[in-house]
Structures are given as structure tokens and as C-alpha cells.
Amino acid sequence: MRGCISVAFLFVVGVFSPSLAQDSQKAIEPAVVVPKENVLLVVAHQPECPLKIEHIELHAPVAGGHYPPDLKLRHKGDIPIKSFKVAYIDAEGTGGSWTFSKKLVLPNQVVTVSEKPPSVKIIPLTEELRKQLRLTNVLQGLIIIVVVRVDFTDETFYEDEKSYESLRRYFEDRPSHK
């Protein structure tokens, strides 16, 4: 089952995300919030990191698949941020990352990172949709979020690439428990 979720997740992220973003003028695409009992979203412990992840949500289109998690991050440092990179990885060793550099992130500012197309509308998860999307009360996946790098306007930076790469290798090297 985990393999199916990973394959579906990568298929949607790798194939449909770019095309959906280009077709944002199309009809509304309904999606639901994936319950944490189905896919557990975990934030890596990074006490020195100036970006604190305050909120994570994973959405599943009613048509099937998943988008990368939506994040809200708060800048807890004192120096404006000019760019940052956040990565996510699942228990199969697959995932992706975002690099955010559109505008400065000021101290205490909250930034939302999302790859959902604008055409997505979040709807309530009904029992009928739960059955259709196979969102039973069984854990089907785990996604870990890591802040990989933060670059400040004064040319200093925070970096945790080693932890992310160790985590990635750990999941890639593990034998499958299918």
C-alpha cells in the first residue's frame, strides 16, 4: 500500500503539478485534507533553524493522487531572509523540495509555500470520499519536512543539508517492509 501511495504521490507531483499550474483557468478541482491518521506529516527537529514550520497540510484531489504538502513558516530570526529551501521525503525515500526566493522574508513574517494549482478547492472529507480515496483509519505513509537552507540578506546562512541527505540515504537504503 505504501508503494502505491508513493507512486501515486510522485506521479501527481512529477507529471500533473506543472500541467495543472499551466491550466489554472480550467474548472475547479475539488480536493480534501488528508487526515493525519492516513499520512503523518512530521517536522524535523531543528532548534537552530530561523524558520519554524507552524502548519502543514497534505491535500488529495478527489480525482486521485496527492500534492506536495502546504506549509506555513514563520521567520524567527532578526535578519531578513532572501531565500530558503525546504525539502520533504517519505518513508520510501522519495520526495522533493522548494526554493523560495520571490521576495524578502522579514523577521516574524509568515510565508506560505504551496504547489497546489489555484483551481483547487478544499472540500469536506465525507464518508463517501473517504471510501473513494481509500482514506481508512490506517496509517499509509509518513512525510518528513526539513528546512535545508536559509540565506540571509547579510550573506550569512543556516544550512542543514547533511541532516537532510542522511535522512534521504536512510530511507533509500532501508529494505522495503511491504
Foldseek 3Di string as FASTA:
>chain_A
DLVVQVVLQCCCAVPVLVVCQVVLVDAAFEKAWQDCLAEPEAEDDDPVDQKDWDDWTWIATLVGGTFAIKTKIFGADAFKWQKWKKWKAKLQLDTGMDIDRPGIHHHGRIDIDGSDHPSYDYDYCDPVSCVSHVRDSHYNIYMYMYTAKIAGPVRDIDGDVVVVVVVSCVSNVDDDPD
